[in-house]
Amino acid sequence: MKRLLLAVSLTVLAAGLSTAVLAAEPNKKEAAASGEGNLKIWEWANFLLLAGGLGYLIRKHAGPYYAARAAGISKDLVESERTAEAAAARAAEVDRRLASLDTEIAALRAESQKESAAEVERFAQQTAAEIAKIGALGEQEIRTAQKAARLDLQCYAAQLAVDLAEQKVRARMDADTEDRLVGGFVRGLHPPAVRN
């Protein structure tokens, strides 16, 4: 940075001297008239020395600066080319994916329909299994209900038979039959030795 500032300062100084030289040029006629022609040679020598020094400094410092700048620009160009190639590759990948998108969607639809059909089949099998279980349970309940109804019917028939027998026994029962029955019962209560 200091070198660049020095180079700029020298350039400004050279420009100032050049302006002074050019401003002094109208006075050449007066200088020639007065015999100061040697001064012109010294001014030109001073100018050439200053220009040579500035040229040397510019060549010494501007060359590496511009070389570094050119290298930076080349590096940026290479990086830009890499970025452009990467972007082109990504664009090609996106285009490829977009081109295969229809086939992927069709494949996904086919797979979805296949899974849906399998799910319907599985659901139908589960439903059939549940219906079979419910049918078996229903049949078992019917058998249990039939057994209970038979037992109730047998109990009812036995009760009716007992009631009917009781009615027949009461209808035949009179006082003599009752005495005989009671006497036979009492005799059955005593041990056999006492009966004799």
C-alpha atoms as a PDB file:
ATOM      1  CA  MET A   1       0.000   0.000   0.000  1.00  0.00           C
ATOM      2  CA  LYS A   2       2.902   2.311   0.814  1.00  0.00           C
ATOM      3  CA  ARG A   3       4.467   1.583  -2.558  1.00  0.00           C
ATOM      4  CA  LEU A   4       1.255   2.385  -4.345  1.00  0.00           C
ATOM      5  CA  LEU A   5       0.973   5.660  -2.414  1.00  0.00           C
ATOM      6  CA  LEU A   6       4.593   6.474  -3.316  1.00  0.00           C
ATOM      7  CA  ALA A   7       3.929   5.723  -6.967  1.00  0.00           C
ATOM      8  CA  VAL A   8       0.834   7.952  -6.969  1.00  0.00           C
ATOM      9  CA  SER A   9       2.760  10.742  -5.225  1.00  0.00           C
ATOM     10  CA  LEU A  10       5.561  10.552  -7.773  1.00  0.00           C
ATOM     11  CA  THR A  11       3.032  10.580 -10.595  1.00  0.00           C
ATOM     12  CA  VAL A  12       1.424  13.726  -9.189  1.00  0.00           C
ATOM     13  CA  LEU A  13       4.844  15.327  -8.763  1.00  0.00           C
ATOM     14  CA  ALA A  14       5.783  14.449 -12.337  1.00  0.00           C
ATOM     15  CA  ALA A  15       2.518  15.854 -13.581  1.00  0.00           C
ATOM     16  CA  GLY A  16       3.176  19.032 -11.626  1.00  0.00           C
ATOM     17  CA  LEU A  17       6.677  19.366 -13.049  1.00  0.00           C
ATOM     18  CA  SER A  18       5.411  18.712 -16.538  1.00  0.00           C
ATOM     19  CA  THR A  19       2.884  21.458 -16.091  1.00  0.00           C
ATOM     20  CA  ALA A  20       5.600  23.769 -14.855  1.00  0.00           C
ATOM     21  CA  VAL A  21       7.751  22.909 -17.864  1.00  0.00           C
ATOM     22  CA  LEU A  22       4.871  23.514 -20.228  1.00  0.00           C
ATOM     23  CA  ALA A  23       4.023  26.740 -18.468  1.00  0.00           C
ATOM     24  CA  ALA A  24       7.631  27.862 -18.811  1.00  0.00           C
ATOM     25  CA  GLU A  25       7.644  27.179 -22.537  1.00  0.00           C
ATOM     26  CA  PRO A  26       6.128  30.510 -23.557  1.00  0.00           C
ATOM     27  CA  ASN A  27       9.057  32.077 -21.807  1.00  0.00           C
ATOM     28  CA  LYS A  28      11.503  30.202 -24.090  1.00  0.00           C
ATOM     29  CA  LYS A  29      11.833  33.138 -26.344  1.00  0.00           C
ATOM     30  CA  GLU A  30      12.671  35.342 -23.462  1.00  0.00           C
ATOM     31  CA  ALA A  31      15.099  32.733 -22.095  1.00  0.00           C
ATOM     32  CA  ALA A  32      16.778  32.356 -25.460  1.00  0.00           C
ATOM     33  CA  ALA A  33      17.054  36.051 -25.712  1.00  0.00           C
ATOM     34  CA  SER A  34      18.654  36.322 -22.317  1.00  0.00           C
ATOM     35  CA  GLY A  35      21.076  33.443 -22.858  1.00  0.00           C
ATOM     36  CA  GLU A  36      19.509  30.908 -20.605  1.00  0.00           C
ATOM     37  CA  GLY A  37      19.433  28.067 -23.192  1.00  0.00           C
ATOM     38  CA  ASN A  38      21.316  25.782 -20.863  1.00  0.00           C
ATOM     39  CA  LEU A  39      18.426  25.853 -18.491  1.00  0.00           C
ATOM     40  CA  LYS A  40      16.273  24.166 -21.092  1.00  0.00           C
ATOM     41  CA  ILE A  41      18.653  21.219 -21.303  1.00  0.00           C
ATOM     42  CA  TRP A  42      18.632  20.833 -17.530  1.00  0.00           C
ATOM     43  CA  GLU A  43      14.845  20.972 -17.489  1.00  0.00           C
ATOM     44  CA  TRP A  44      14.690  18.223 -20.105  1.00  0.00           C
ATOM     45  CA  ALA A  45      17.267  16.176 -18.266  1.00  0.00           C
ATOM     46  CA  ASN A  46      15.323  16.616 -15.041  1.00  0.00           C
ATOM     47  CA  PHE A  47      12.139  15.641 -16.840  1.00  0.00           C
ATOM     48  CA  LEU A  48      13.734  12.543 -18.375  1.00  0.00           C
ATOM     49  CA  LEU A  49      15.210  11.542 -15.038  1.00  0.00           C
ATOM     50  CA  LEU A  50      11.836  11.964 -13.346  1.00  0.00           C
ATOM     51  CA  ALA A  51      10.010  10.121 -16.133  1.00  0.00           C
ATOM     52  CA  GLY A  52      12.598   7.323 -16.052  1.00  0.00           C
ATOM     53  CA  GLY A  53      12.279   7.028 -12.272  1.00  0.00           C
ATOM     54  CA  LEU A  54       8.514   6.966 -12.536  1.00  0.00           C
ATOM     55  CA  GLY A  55       8.716   4.419 -15.350  1.00  0.00           C
ATOM     56  CA  TYR A  56      11.042   2.243 -13.281  1.00  0.00           C
ATOM     57  CA  LEU A  57       8.766   2.455 -10.228  1.00  0.00           C
ATOM     58  CA  ILE A  58       5.678   1.788 -12.286  1.00  0.00           C
ATOM     59  CA  ARG A  59       7.361  -1.141 -14.029  1.00  0.00           C
ATOM     60  CA  LYS A  60       8.670  -2.510 -10.748  1.00  0.00           C
ATOM     61  CA  HIS A  61       5.399  -2.191  -8.802  1.00  0.00           C
ATOM     62  CA  ALA A  62       2.720  -2.224 -11.481  1.00  0.00           C
ATOM     63  CA  GLY A  63       3.997  -5.426 -13.121  1.00  0.00           C
ATOM     64  CA  PRO A  64       3.558  -7.637 -10.026  1.00  0.00           C
ATOM     65  CA  TYR A  65       0.301  -5.843  -9.185  1.00  0.00           C
ATOM     66  CA  TYR A  66      -1.135  -6.477 -12.636  1.00  0.00           C
ATOM     67  CA  ALA A  67       0.255 -10.024 -12.646  1.00  0.00           C
ATOM     68  CA  ALA A  68      -1.427 -10.711  -9.295  1.00  0.00           C
ATOM     69  CA  ARG A  69      -4.574  -9.082 -10.565  1.00  0.00           C
ATOM     70  CA  ALA A  70      -4.461 -11.179 -13.751  1.00  0.00           C
ATOM     71  CA  ALA A  71      -3.879 -14.327 -11.675  1.00  0.00           C
ATOM     72  CA  GLY A  72      -6.858 -13.422  -9.479  1.00  0.00           C
ATOM     73  CA  ILE A  73      -9.016 -12.830 -12.538  1.00  0.00           C
ATOM     74  CA  SER A  74      -7.853 -16.148 -14.046  1.00  0.00           C
ATOM     75  CA  LYS A  75      -8.643 -17.911 -10.798  1.00  0.00           C
ATOM     76  CA  ASP A  76     -12.074 -16.281 -10.712  1.00  0.00           C
ATOM     77  CA  LEU A  77     -12.663 -17.340 -14.333  1.00  0.00           C
ATOM     78  CA  VAL A  78     -11.673 -20.947 -13.555  1.00  0.00           C
ATOM     79  CA  GLU A  79     -13.916 -20.927 -10.494  1.00  0.00           C
ATOM     80  CA  SER A  80     -16.740 -19.455 -12.572  1.00  0.00           C
ATOM     81  CA  GLU A  81     -16.282 -22.203 -15.162  1.00  0.00           C
ATOM     82  CA  ARG A  82     -16.405 -24.860 -12.416  1.00  0.00           C
ATOM     83  CA  THR A  83     -19.530 -23.272 -10.972  1.00  0.00           C
ATOM     84  CA  ALA A  84     -21.108 -23.109 -14.430  1.00  0.00           C
ATOM     85  CA  GLU A  85     -20.248 -26.793 -15.042  1.00  0.00           C
ATOM     86  CA  ALA A  86     -21.693 -27.778 -11.658  1.00  0.00           C
ATOM     87  CA  ALA A  87     -24.838 -25.769 -12.377  1.00  0.00           C
ATOM     88  CA  ALA A  88     -25.133 -27.402 -15.807  1.00  0.00           C
ATOM     89  CA  ALA A  89     -24.715 -30.843 -14.204  1.00  0.00           C
ATOM     90  CA  ARG A  90     -27.399 -30.042 -11.640  1.00  0.00           C
ATOM     91  CA  ALA A  91     -29.693 -28.741 -14.382  1.00  0.00           C
ATOM     92  CA  ALA A  92     -29.103 -31.932 -16.388  1.00  0.00           C
ATOM     93  CA  GLU A  93     -29.893 -34.031 -13.293  1.00  0.00           C
ATOM     94  CA  VAL A  94     -33.083 -32.060 -12.701  1.00  0.00           C
ATOM     95  CA  ASP A  95     -34.044 -32.480 -16.370  1.00  0.00           C
ATOM     96  CA  ARG A  96     -33.352 -36.224 -16.136  1.00  0.00           C
ATOM     97  CA  ARG A  97     -35.468 -36.490 -13.018  1.00  0.00           C
ATOM     98  CA  LEU A  98     -38.266 -34.490 -14.619  1.00  0.00           C
ATOM     99  CA  ALA A  99     -38.131 -36.761 -17.659  1.00  0.00           C
ATOM    100  CA  SER A 100     -38.414 -39.861 -15.478  1.00  0.00           C
ATOM    101  CA  LEU A 101     -41.018 -38.271 -13.229  1.00  0.00           C
ATOM    102  CA  ASP A 102     -43.936 -39.625 -15.296  1.00  0.00           C
ATOM    103  CA  THR A 103     -42.603 -43.176 -15.118  1.00  0.00           C
ATOM    104  CA  GLU A 104     -41.949 -42.826 -11.386  1.00  0.00           C
ATOM    105  CA  ILE A 105     -45.500 -41.532 -10.849  1.00  0.00           C
ATOM    106  CA  ALA A 106     -46.905 -44.435 -12.899  1.00  0.00           C
ATOM    107  CA  ALA A 107     -44.802 -46.896 -10.884  1.00  0.00           C
ATOM    108  CA  LEU A 108     -45.977 -45.343  -7.627  1.00  0.00           C
ATOM    109  CA  ARG A 109     -49.603 -45.542  -8.793  1.00  0.00           C
ATOM    110  CA  ALA A 110     -49.203 -49.203  -9.784  1.00  0.00           C
ATOM    111  CA  GLU A 111     -47.563 -49.992  -6.454  1.00  0.00           C
ATOM    112  CA  SER A 112     -50.303 -48.108  -4.627  1.00  0.00           C
ATOM    113  CA  GLN A 113     -53.004 -50.044  -6.486  1.00  0.00           C
ATOM    114  CA  LYS A 114     -51.220 -53.309  -5.768  1.00  0.00           C
ATOM    115  CA  GLU A 115     -50.980 -52.469  -2.064  1.00  0.00           C
ATOM    116  CA  SER A 116     -54.627 -51.376  -2.073  1.00  0.00           C
ATOM    117  CA  ALA A 117     -55.707 -54.680  -3.658  1.00  0.00           C
ATOM    118  CA  ALA A 118     -53.614 -56.611  -1.132  1.00  0.00           C
ATOM    119  CA  GLU A 119     -55.182 -54.589   1.690  1.00  0.00           C
ATOM    120  CA  VAL A 120     -58.688 -55.301   0.344  1.00  0.00           C
ATOM    121  CA  GLU A 121     -57.851 -59.015   0.118  1.00  0.00           C
ATOM    122  CA  ARG A 122     -56.433 -59.034   3.643  1.00  0.00           C
ATOM    123  CA  PHE A 123     -59.501 -57.185   4.923  1.00  0.00           C
ATOM    124  CA  ALA A 124     -61.799 -59.671   3.160  1.00  0.00           C
ATOM    125  CA  GLN A 125     -59.904 -62.591   4.726  1.00  0.00           C
ATOM    126  CA  GLN A 126     -60.108 -61.002   8.162  1.00  0.00           C
ATOM    127  CA  THR A 127     -63.813 -60.342   7.675  1.00  0.00           C
ATOM    128  CA  ALA A 128     -64.406 -63.970   6.591  1.00  0.00           C
ATOM    129  CA  ALA A 129     -62.455 -65.201   9.629  1.00  0.00           C
ATOM    130  CA  GLU A 130     -64.474 -62.941  11.926  1.00  0.00           C
ATOM    131  CA  ILE A 131     -67.744 -64.129  10.327  1.00  0.00           C
ATOM    132  CA  ALA A 132     -66.647 -67.754  10.831  1.00  0.00           C
ATOM    133  CA  LYS A 133     -65.824 -67.033  14.496  1.00  0.00           C
ATOM    134  CA  ILE A 134     -69.159 -65.295  15.022  1.00  0.00           C
ATOM    135  CA  GLY A 135     -70.961 -68.192  13.297  1.00  0.00           C
ATOM    136  CA  ALA A 136     -69.188 -70.740  15.526  1.00  0.00           C
ATOM    137  CA  LEU A 137     -70.021 -68.727  18.623  1.00  0.00           C
ATOM    138  CA  GLY A 138     -73.637 -68.429  17.461  1.00  0.00           C
ATOM    139  CA  GLU A 139     -73.886 -72.184  16.906  1.00  0.00           C
ATOM    140  CA  GLN A 140     -72.371 -72.836  20.320  1.00  0.00           C
ATOM    141  CA  GLU A 141     -74.863 -70.466  21.945  1.00  0.00           C
ATOM    142  CA  ILE A 142     -77.715 -72.171  20.068  1.00  0.00           C
ATOM    143  CA  ARG A 143     -76.568 -75.590  21.302  1.00  0.00           C
ATOM    144  CA  THR A 144     -76.281 -74.252  24.847  1.00  0.00           C
ATOM    145  CA  ALA A 145     -79.744 -72.714  24.575  1.00  0.00           C
ATOM    146  CA  GLN A 146     -81.143 -76.016  23.209  1.00  0.00           C
ATOM    147  CA  LYS A 147     -79.656 -77.951  26.143  1.00  0.00           C
ATOM    148  CA  ALA A 148     -81.066 -75.457  28.612  1.00  0.00           C
ATOM    149  CA  ALA A 149     -84.482 -75.614  26.895  1.00  0.00           C
ATOM    150  CA  ARG A 150     -84.443 -79.461  27.015  1.00  0.00           C
ATOM    151  CA  LEU A 151     -83.542 -79.396  30.705  1.00  0.00           C
ATOM    152  CA  ASP A 152     -86.310 -76.869  31.374  1.00  0.00           C
ATOM    153  CA  LEU A 153     -88.740 -78.992  29.332  1.00  0.00           C
ATOM    154  CA  GLN A 154     -87.712 -82.179  31.186  1.00  0.00           C
ATOM    155  CA  CYS A 155     -88.135 -80.400  34.530  1.00  0.00           C
ATOM    156  CA  TYR A 156     -91.526 -79.082  33.465  1.00  0.00           C
ATOM    157  CA  ALA A 157     -92.608 -82.549  32.217  1.00  0.00           C
ATOM    158  CA  ALA A 158     -91.440 -84.162  35.474  1.00  0.00           C
ATOM    159  CA  GLN A 159     -93.321 -81.521  37.479  1.00  0.00           C
ATOM    160  CA  LEU A 160     -96.432 -82.171  35.405  1.00  0.00           C
ATOM    161  CA  ALA A 161     -96.065 -85.946  35.927  1.00  0.00           C
ATOM    162  CA  VAL A 162     -95.705 -85.468  39.696  1.00  0.00           C
ATOM    163  CA  ASP A 163     -98.707 -83.139  39.777  1.00  0.00           C
ATOM    164  CA  LEU A 164    -100.753 -85.624  37.737  1.00  0.00           C
ATOM    165  CA  ALA A 165     -99.708 -88.537  39.965  1.00  0.00           C
ATOM    166  CA  GLU A 166    -100.609 -86.495  43.027  1.00  0.00           C
ATOM    167  CA  GLN A 167    -104.023 -85.761  41.625  1.00  0.00           C
ATOM    168  CA  LYS A 168    -104.576 -89.465  40.839  1.00  0.00           C
ATOM    169  CA  VAL A 169    -103.399 -90.505  44.296  1.00  0.00           C
ATOM    170  CA  ARG A 170    -105.696 -87.960  45.955  1.00  0.00           C
ATOM    171  CA  ALA A 171    -108.565 -89.047  43.835  1.00  0.00           C
ATOM    172  CA  ARG A 172    -108.149 -92.686  44.970  1.00  0.00           C
ATOM    173  CA  MET A 173    -107.346 -91.818  48.530  1.00  0.00           C
ATOM    174  CA  ASP A 174    -110.135 -92.384  51.040  1.00  0.00           C
ATOM    175  CA  ALA A 175    -110.082 -92.891  54.813  1.00  0.00           C
ATOM    176  CA  ASP A 176    -109.525 -96.694  54.762  1.00  0.00           C
ATOM    177  CA  THR A 177    -106.658 -96.448  52.301  1.00  0.00           C
ATOM    178  CA  GLU A 178    -105.154 -93.674  54.333  1.00  0.00           C
ATOM    179  CA  ASP A 179    -105.292 -95.741  57.530  1.00  0.00           C
ATOM    180  CA  ARG A 180    -103.648 -98.693  55.829  1.00  0.00           C
ATOM    181  CA  LEU A 181    -100.898 -96.556  54.487  1.00  0.00           C
ATOM    182  CA  VAL A 182    -100.221 -94.895  57.828  1.00  0.00           C
ATOM    183  CA  GLY A 183    -100.290 -98.258  59.604  1.00  0.00           C
ATOM    184  CA  GLY A 184     -97.865 -99.769  57.070  1.00  0.00           C
ATOM    185  CA  PHE A 185     -95.554 -96.773  57.517  1.00  0.00           C
ATOM    186  CA  VAL A 186     -95.594 -97.084  61.305  1.00  0.00           C
ATOM    187  CA  ARG A 187     -94.897-100.795  61.123  1.00  0.00           C
ATOM    188  CA  GLY A 188     -91.956-100.076  58.829  1.00  0.00           C
ATOM    189  CA  LEU A 189     -90.506 -97.825  61.526  1.00  0.00           C
ATOM    190  CA  HIS A 190     -90.242-100.593  64.169  1.00  0.00           C
ATOM    191  CA  PRO A 191     -87.387-103.111  64.009  1.00  0.00           C
ATOM    192  CA  PRO A 192     -88.328-106.573  62.692  1.00  0.00           C
ATOM    193  CA  ALA A 193     -88.016-108.331  66.147  1.00  0.00           C
ATOM    194  CA  VAL A 194     -90.574-106.137  67.732  1.00  0.00           C
ATOM    195  CA  ARG A 195     -93.128-106.866  65.036  1.00  0.00           C
ATOM    196  CA  ASN A 196     -93.560-110.452  66.047  1.00  0.00           C
END
